[in-house]
Amino acid sequence: MTESQKWDTCSVQLKVQLPRDLAAQVEEVQQTDPEFLSRIVLYGLTRRSIYRHLRDRRPEPSDSVESSPLVL
């Protein structure tokens, strides 16, 4: 994968249900600083992706230290 392919982007439209007070704050940020809102969404999606990656790499219970017998 080349560097340019790695950063190819496209627009998406998200529709979310938020509590009214939070929705009002998000709308204000979207109007005043849409780049900031974009970075927040990217941050959240990145964290979720990393979490899923780490969760899927979790060792099986039989492979973990916790399930090994205690040797003194």
PDB file of N, CA and C in Angstrom:
ATOM      1  N   MET A   1       0.847  -1.167   0.000  1.00  0.00           N
ATOM      2  CA  MET A   1       0.000   0.000   0.000  1.00  0.00           C
ATOM      3  C   MET A   1       0.895   1.234   0.000  1.00  0.00           C
ATOM      4  N   THR A   2       0.671   2.130  -0.914  1.00  0.00           N
ATOM      5  CA  THR A   2       1.461   3.345  -0.971  1.00  0.00           C
ATOM      6  C   THR A   2       0.925   4.376   0.008  1.00  0.00           C
ATOM      7  N   GLU A   3       1.747   5.384   0.272  1.00  0.00           N
ATOM      8  CA  GLU A   3       1.337   6.433   1.211  1.00  0.00           C
ATOM      9  C   GLU A   3       0.059   7.124   0.761  1.00  0.00           C
ATOM     10  N   SER A   4      -0.089   7.367  -0.540  1.00  0.00           N
ATOM     11  CA  SER A   4      -1.300   8.045  -1.016  1.00  0.00           C
ATOM     12  C   SER A   4      -2.535   7.166  -0.851  1.00  0.00           C
ATOM     13  N   GLN A   5      -2.396   5.859  -1.018  1.00  0.00           N
ATOM     14  CA  GLN A   5      -3.535   4.961  -0.828  1.00  0.00           C
ATOM     15  C   GLN A   5      -3.935   4.892   0.637  1.00  0.00           C
ATOM     16  N   LYS A   6      -2.958   4.980   1.503  1.00  0.00           N
ATOM     17  CA  LYS A   6      -3.212   4.883   2.929  1.00  0.00           C
ATOM     18  C   LYS A   6      -4.112   6.018   3.412  1.00  0.00           C
ATOM     19  N   TRP A   7      -4.016   7.181   2.803  1.00  0.00           N
ATOM     20  CA  TRP A   7      -4.762   8.340   3.269  1.00  0.00           C
ATOM     21  C   TRP A   7      -5.874   8.755   2.323  1.00  0.00           C
ATOM     22  N   ASP A   8      -6.268   7.891   1.386  1.00  0.00           N
ATOM     23  CA  ASP A   8      -7.429   8.203   0.565  1.00  0.00           C
ATOM     24  C   ASP A   8      -8.640   8.308   1.484  1.00  0.00           C
ATOM     25  N   THR A   9      -9.406   9.347   1.302  1.00  0.00           N
ATOM     26  CA  THR A   9     -10.559   9.550   2.178  1.00  0.00           C
ATOM     27  C   THR A   9     -11.820   9.746   1.361  1.00  0.00           C
ATOM     28  N   CYS A  10     -12.933   9.610   2.008  1.00  0.00           N
ATOM     29  CA  CYS A  10     -14.214   9.916   1.384  1.00  0.00           C
ATOM     30  C   CYS A  10     -15.154  10.418   2.472  1.00  0.00           C
ATOM     31  N   SER A  11     -16.133  11.175   2.068  1.00  0.00           N
ATOM     32  CA  SER A  11     -17.094  11.732   3.011  1.00  0.00           C
ATOM     33  C   SER A  11     -18.136  10.687   3.384  1.00  0.00           C
ATOM     34  N   VAL A  12     -18.564  10.756   4.625  1.00  0.00           N
ATOM     35  CA  VAL A  12     -19.680   9.932   5.096  1.00  0.00           C
ATOM     36  C   VAL A  12     -20.613  10.839   5.877  1.00  0.00           C
ATOM     37  N   GLN A  13     -21.840  10.438   5.960  1.00  0.00           N
ATOM     38  CA  GLN A  13     -22.801  11.193   6.741  1.00  0.00           C
ATOM     39  C   GLN A  13     -23.288  10.296   7.863  1.00  0.00           C
ATOM     40  N   LEU A  14     -23.108  10.761   9.091  1.00  0.00           N
ATOM     41  CA  LEU A  14     -23.524  10.001  10.261  1.00  0.00           C
ATOM     42  C   LEU A  14     -24.790  10.604  10.834  1.00  0.00           C
ATOM     43  N   LYS A  15     -25.673   9.745  11.266  1.00  0.00           N
ATOM     44  CA  LYS A  15     -26.877  10.197  11.946  1.00  0.00           C
ATOM     45  C   LYS A  15     -26.886   9.532  13.305  1.00  0.00           C
ATOM     46  N   VAL A  16     -26.865  10.345  14.345  1.00  0.00           N
ATOM     47  CA  VAL A  16     -26.825   9.816  15.705  1.00  0.00           C
ATOM     48  C   VAL A  16     -27.960  10.414  16.522  1.00  0.00           C
ATOM     49  N   GLN A  17     -28.385   9.680  17.511  1.00  0.00           N
ATOM     50  CA  GLN A  17     -29.404  10.140  18.446  1.00  0.00           C
ATOM     51  C   GLN A  17     -28.686  10.541  19.739  1.00  0.00           C
ATOM     52  N   LEU A  18     -28.799  11.818  20.110  1.00  0.00           N
ATOM     53  CA  LEU A  18     -28.145  12.321  21.310  1.00  0.00           C
ATOM     54  C   LEU A  18     -29.174  12.996  22.215  1.00  0.00           C
ATOM     55  N   PRO A  19     -28.885  13.054  23.510  1.00  0.00           N
ATOM     56  CA  PRO A  19     -29.742  13.865  24.386  1.00  0.00           C
ATOM     57  C   PRO A  19     -29.765  15.305  23.858  1.00  0.00           C
ATOM     58  N   ARG A  20     -30.884  15.985  24.043  1.00  0.00           N
ATOM     59  CA  ARG A  20     -31.079  17.329  23.466  1.00  0.00           C
ATOM     60  C   ARG A  20     -29.968  18.309  23.821  1.00  0.00           C
ATOM     61  N   ASP A  21     -29.558  18.336  25.091  1.00  0.00           N
ATOM     62  CA  ASP A  21     -28.531  19.304  25.480  1.00  0.00           C
ATOM     63  C   ASP A  21     -27.187  19.011  24.802  1.00  0.00           C
ATOM     64  N   LEU A  22     -26.845  17.747  24.706  1.00  0.00           N
ATOM     65  CA  LEU A  22     -25.610  17.375  24.029  1.00  0.00           C
ATOM     66  C   LEU A  22     -25.713  17.643  22.528  1.00  0.00           C
ATOM     67  N   ALA A  23     -26.866  17.350  21.952  1.00  0.00           N
ATOM     68  CA  ALA A  23     -27.076  17.600  20.521  1.00  0.00           C
ATOM     69  C   ALA A  23     -26.911  19.082  20.203  1.00  0.00           C
ATOM     70  N   ALA A  24     -27.409  19.929  21.075  1.00  0.00           N
ATOM     71  CA  ALA A  24     -27.269  21.375  20.870  1.00  0.00           C
ATOM     72  C   ALA A  24     -25.801  21.781  20.896  1.00  0.00           C
ATOM     73  N   GLN A  25     -25.035  21.211  21.806  1.00  0.00           N
ATOM     74  CA  GLN A  25     -23.598  21.509  21.881  1.00  0.00           C
ATOM     75  C   GLN A  25     -22.878  21.031  20.622  1.00  0.00           C
ATOM     76  N   VAL A  26     -23.226  19.847  20.158  1.00  0.00           N
ATOM     77  CA  VAL A  26     -22.594  19.297  18.955  1.00  0.00           C
ATOM     78  C   VAL A  26     -22.920  20.171  17.743  1.00  0.00           C
ATOM     79  N   GLU A  27     -24.167  20.593  17.632  1.00  0.00           N
ATOM     80  CA  GLU A  27     -24.542  21.468  16.518  1.00  0.00           C
ATOM     81  C   GLU A  27     -23.756  22.778  16.562  1.00  0.00           C
ATOM     82  N   GLU A  28     -23.574  23.324  17.749  1.00  0.00           N
ATOM     83  CA  GLU A  28     -22.801  24.563  17.882  1.00  0.00           C
ATOM     84  C   GLU A  28     -21.355  24.354  17.433  1.00  0.00           C
ATOM     85  N   VAL A  29     -20.740  23.256  17.891  1.00  0.00           N
ATOM     86  CA  VAL A  29     -19.362  22.960  17.495  1.00  0.00           C
ATOM     87  C   VAL A  29     -19.290  22.724  15.990  1.00  0.00           C
ATOM     88  N   GLN A  30     -20.277  22.044  15.439  1.00  0.00           N
ATOM     89  CA  GLN A  30     -20.281  21.780  13.996  1.00  0.00           C
ATOM     90  C   GLN A  30     -20.304  23.090  13.210  1.00  0.00           C
ATOM     91  N   GLN A  31     -21.031  24.075  13.703  1.00  0.00           N
ATOM     92  CA  GLN A  31     -21.107  25.360  13.008  1.00  0.00           C
ATOM     93  C   GLN A  31     -19.862  26.201  13.223  1.00  0.00           C
ATOM     94  N   THR A  32     -19.314  26.183  14.426  1.00  0.00           N
ATOM     95  CA  THR A  32     -18.177  27.049  14.737  1.00  0.00           C
ATOM     96  C   THR A  32     -16.826  26.434  14.388  1.00  0.00           C
ATOM     97  N   ASP A  33     -16.686  25.121  14.513  1.00  0.00           N
ATOM     98  CA  ASP A  33     -15.398  24.470  14.255  1.00  0.00           C
ATOM     99  C   ASP A  33     -15.608  23.045  13.750  1.00  0.00           C
ATOM    100  N   PRO A  34     -16.044  22.895  12.501  1.00  0.00           N
ATOM    101  CA  PRO A  34     -16.331  21.554  11.980  1.00  0.00           C
ATOM    102  C   PRO A  34     -15.094  20.649  11.946  1.00  0.00           C
ATOM    103  N   GLU A  35     -13.915  21.229  11.811  1.00  0.00           N
ATOM    104  CA  GLU A  35     -12.689  20.419  11.797  1.00  0.00           C
ATOM    105  C   GLU A  35     -12.473  19.758  13.159  1.00  0.00           C
ATOM    106  N   PHE A  36     -12.759  20.485  14.224  1.00  0.00           N
ATOM    107  CA  PHE A  36     -12.630  19.930  15.570  1.00  0.00           C
ATOM    108  C   PHE A  36     -13.580  18.754  15.760  1.00  0.00           C
ATOM    109  N   LEU A  37     -14.812  18.932  15.323  1.00  0.00           N
ATOM    110  CA  LEU A  37     -15.796  17.853  15.439  1.00  0.00           C
ATOM    111  C   LEU A  37     -15.341  16.630  14.632  1.00  0.00           C
ATOM    112  N   SER A  38     -14.796  16.871  13.471  1.00  0.00           N
ATOM    113  CA  SER A  38     -14.281  15.783  12.643  1.00  0.00           C
ATOM    114  C   SER A  38     -13.168  15.029  13.366  1.00  0.00           C
ATOM    115  N   ARG A  39     -12.287  15.767  14.027  1.00  0.00           N
ATOM    116  CA  ARG A  39     -11.191  15.121  14.766  1.00  0.00           C
ATOM    117  C   ARG A  39     -11.716  14.308  15.951  1.00  0.00           C
ATOM    118  N   ILE A  40     -12.758  14.804  16.599  1.00  0.00           N
ATOM    119  CA  ILE A  40     -13.351  14.066  17.722  1.00  0.00           C
ATOM    120  C   ILE A  40     -13.912  12.729  17.239  1.00  0.00           C
ATOM    121  N   VAL A  41     -14.635  12.763  16.133  1.00  0.00           N
ATOM    122  CA  VAL A  41     -15.215  11.530  15.581  1.00  0.00           C
ATOM    123  C   VAL A  41     -14.104  10.579  15.161  1.00  0.00           C
ATOM    124  N   LEU A  42     -13.071  11.097  14.500  1.00  0.00           N
ATOM    125  CA  LEU A  42     -11.940  10.258  14.088  1.00  0.00           C
ATOM    126  C   LEU A  42     -11.267   9.631  15.305  1.00  0.00           C
ATOM    127  N   TYR A  43     -11.084  10.402  16.357  1.00  0.00           N
ATOM    128  CA  TYR A  43     -10.481   9.897  17.586  1.00  0.00           C
ATOM    129  C   TYR A  43     -11.309   8.744  18.160  1.00  0.00           C
ATOM    130  N   GLY A  44     -12.617   8.947  18.238  1.00  0.00           N
ATOM    131  CA  GLY A  44     -13.487   7.901  18.788  1.00  0.00           C
ATOM    132  C   GLY A  44     -13.466   6.635  17.953  1.00  0.00           C
ATOM    133  N   LEU A  45     -13.513   6.787  16.644  1.00  0.00           N
ATOM    134  CA  LEU A  45     -13.486   5.611  15.769  1.00  0.00           C
ATOM    135  C   LEU A  45     -12.134   4.900  15.827  1.00  0.00           C
ATOM    136  N   THR A  46     -11.072   5.665  15.969  1.00  0.00           N
ATOM    137  CA  THR A  46      -9.735   5.067  16.084  1.00  0.00           C
ATOM    138  C   THR A  46      -9.627   4.266  17.373  1.00  0.00           C
ATOM    139  N   ARG A  47     -10.089   4.839  18.481  1.00  0.00           N
ATOM    140  CA  ARG A  47     -10.060   4.114  19.755  1.00  0.00           C
ATOM    141  C   ARG A  47     -10.858   2.817  19.670  1.00  0.00           C
ATOM    142  N   ARG A  48     -12.022   2.897  19.039  1.00  0.00           N
ATOM    143  CA  ARG A  48     -12.865   1.706  18.904  1.00  0.00           C
ATOM    144  C   ARG A  48     -12.162   0.635  18.074  1.00  0.00           C
ATOM    145  N   SER A  49     -11.515   1.052  16.995  1.00  0.00           N
ATOM    146  CA  SER A  49     -10.799   0.118  16.139  1.00  0.00           C
ATOM    147  C   SER A  49      -9.644  -0.549  16.889  1.00  0.00           C
ATOM    148  N   ILE A  50      -8.895   0.247  17.648  1.00  0.00           N
ATOM    149  CA  ILE A  50      -7.779  -0.303  18.431  1.00  0.00           C
ATOM    150  C   ILE A  50      -8.307  -1.274  19.484  1.00  0.00           C
ATOM    151  N   TYR A  51      -9.370  -0.894  20.169  1.00  0.00           N
ATOM    152  CA  TYR A  51      -9.957  -1.773  21.184  1.00  0.00           C
ATOM    153  C   TYR A  51     -10.366  -3.110  20.574  1.00  0.00           C
ATOM    154  N   ARG A  52     -11.050  -3.059  19.440  1.00  0.00           N
ATOM    155  CA  ARG A  52     -11.486  -4.309  18.793  1.00  0.00           C
ATOM    156  C   ARG A  52     -10.290  -5.160  18.374  1.00  0.00           C
ATOM    157  N   HIS A  53      -9.256  -4.497  17.867  1.00  0.00           N
ATOM    158  CA  HIS A  53      -8.064  -5.230  17.448  1.00  0.00           C
ATOM    159  C   HIS A  53      -7.429  -5.933  18.649  1.00  0.00           C
ATOM    160  N   LEU A  54      -7.278  -5.216  19.753  1.00  0.00           N
ATOM    161  CA  LEU A  54      -6.683  -5.815  20.946  1.00  0.00           C
ATOM    162  C   LEU A  54      -7.575  -6.899  21.533  1.00  0.00           C
ATOM    163  N   ARG A  55      -8.884  -6.674  21.527  1.00  0.00           N
ATOM    164  CA  ARG A  55      -9.822  -7.672  22.046  1.00  0.00           C
ATOM    165  C   ARG A  55      -9.736  -8.964  21.241  1.00  0.00           C
ATOM    166  N   ASP A  56      -9.632  -8.832  19.926  1.00  0.00           N
ATOM    167  CA  ASP A  56      -9.581 -10.018  19.072  1.00  0.00           C
ATOM    168  C   ASP A  56      -8.264 -10.763  19.192  1.00  0.00           C
ATOM    169  N   ARG A  57      -7.223 -10.102  19.668  1.00  0.00           N
ATOM    170  CA  ARG A  57      -5.921 -10.743  19.837  1.00  0.00           C
ATOM    171  C   ARG A  57      -5.749 -11.352  21.223  1.00  0.00           C
ATOM    172  N   ARG A  58      -6.755 -11.203  22.075  1.00  0.00           N
ATOM    173  CA  ARG A  58      -6.685 -11.722  23.433  1.00  0.00           C
ATOM    174  C   ARG A  58      -6.373 -13.211  23.411  1.00  0.00           C
ATOM    175  N   PRO A  59      -5.451 -13.682  24.261  1.00  0.00           N
ATOM    176  CA  PRO A  59      -5.141 -15.115  24.281  1.00  0.00           C
ATOM    177  C   PRO A  59      -6.322 -15.931  24.799  1.00  0.00           C
ATOM    178  N   GLU A  60      -6.376 -17.151  24.357  1.00  0.00           N
ATOM    179  CA  GLU A  60      -7.401 -18.068  24.851  1.00  0.00           C
ATOM    180  C   GLU A  60      -7.156 -18.304  26.338  1.00  0.00           C
ATOM    181  N   PRO A  61      -8.195 -18.614  27.108  1.00  0.00           N
ATOM    182  CA  PRO A  61      -8.018 -18.826  28.553  1.00  0.00           C
ATOM    183  C   PRO A  61      -6.952 -19.873  28.868  1.00  0.00           C
ATOM    184  N   SER A  62      -6.814 -20.897  28.070  1.00  0.00           N
ATOM    185  CA  SER A  62      -5.823 -21.934  28.334  1.00  0.00           C
ATOM    186  C   SER A  62      -4.407 -21.431  28.117  1.00  0.00           C
ATOM    187  N   ASP A  63      -4.236 -20.324  27.368  1.00  0.00           N
ATOM    188  CA  ASP A  63      -2.929 -19.766  27.092  1.00  0.00           C
ATOM    189  C   ASP A  63      -2.521 -18.691  28.104  1.00  0.00           C
ATOM    190  N   SER A  64      -3.438 -18.278  28.941  1.00  0.00           N
ATOM    191  CA  SER A  64      -3.152 -17.142  29.816  1.00  0.00           C
ATOM    192  C   SER A  64      -2.388 -17.589  31.053  1.00  0.00           C
ATOM    193  N   VAL A  65      -1.715 -16.658  31.660  1.00  0.00           N
ATOM    194  CA  VAL A  65      -0.962 -16.919  32.882  1.00  0.00           C
ATOM    195  C   VAL A  65      -1.911 -17.258  34.014  1.00  0.00           C
ATOM    196  N   GLU A  66      -3.072 -16.622  34.034  1.00  0.00           N
ATOM    197  CA  GLU A  66      -4.027 -16.834  35.116  1.00  0.00           C
ATOM    198  C   GLU A  66      -4.485 -18.285  35.222  1.00  0.00           C
ATOM    199  N   SER A  67      -4.556 -18.998  34.116  1.00  0.00           N
ATOM    200  CA  SER A  67      -5.037 -20.371  34.161  1.00  0.00           C
ATOM    201  C   SER A  67      -3.900 -21.377  34.366  1.00  0.00           C
ATOM    202  N   SER A  68      -2.650 -20.875  34.414  1.00  0.00           N
ATOM    203  CA  SER A  68      -1.528 -21.770  34.653  1.00  0.00           C
ATOM    204  C   SER A  68      -1.486 -22.156  36.119  1.00  0.00           C
ATOM    205  N   PRO A  69      -1.050 -23.371  36.410  1.00  0.00           N
ATOM    206  CA  PRO A  69      -0.984 -23.775  37.824  1.00  0.00           C
ATOM    207  C   PRO A  69       0.069 -22.954  38.552  1.00  0.00           C
ATOM    208  N   LEU A  70      -0.160 -22.715  39.827  1.00  0.00           N
ATOM    209  CA  LEU A  70       0.769 -21.955  40.649  1.00  0.00           C
ATOM    210  C   LEU A  70       1.905 -22.873  41.079  1.00  0.00           C
ATOM    211  N   VAL A  71       3.123 -22.465  40.776  1.00  0.00           N
ATOM    212  CA  VAL A  71       4.298 -23.251  41.148  1.00  0.00           C
ATOM    213  C   VAL A  71       5.091 -22.445  42.156  1.00  0.00           C
ATOM    214  N   LEU A  72       5.353 -23.058  43.329  1.00  0.00           N
ATOM    215  CA  LEU A  72       6.123 -22.379  44.368  1.00  0.00           C
ATOM    216  C   LEU A  72       7.504 -22.935  44.467  1.00  0.00           C
TER     217      LEU A  72
END
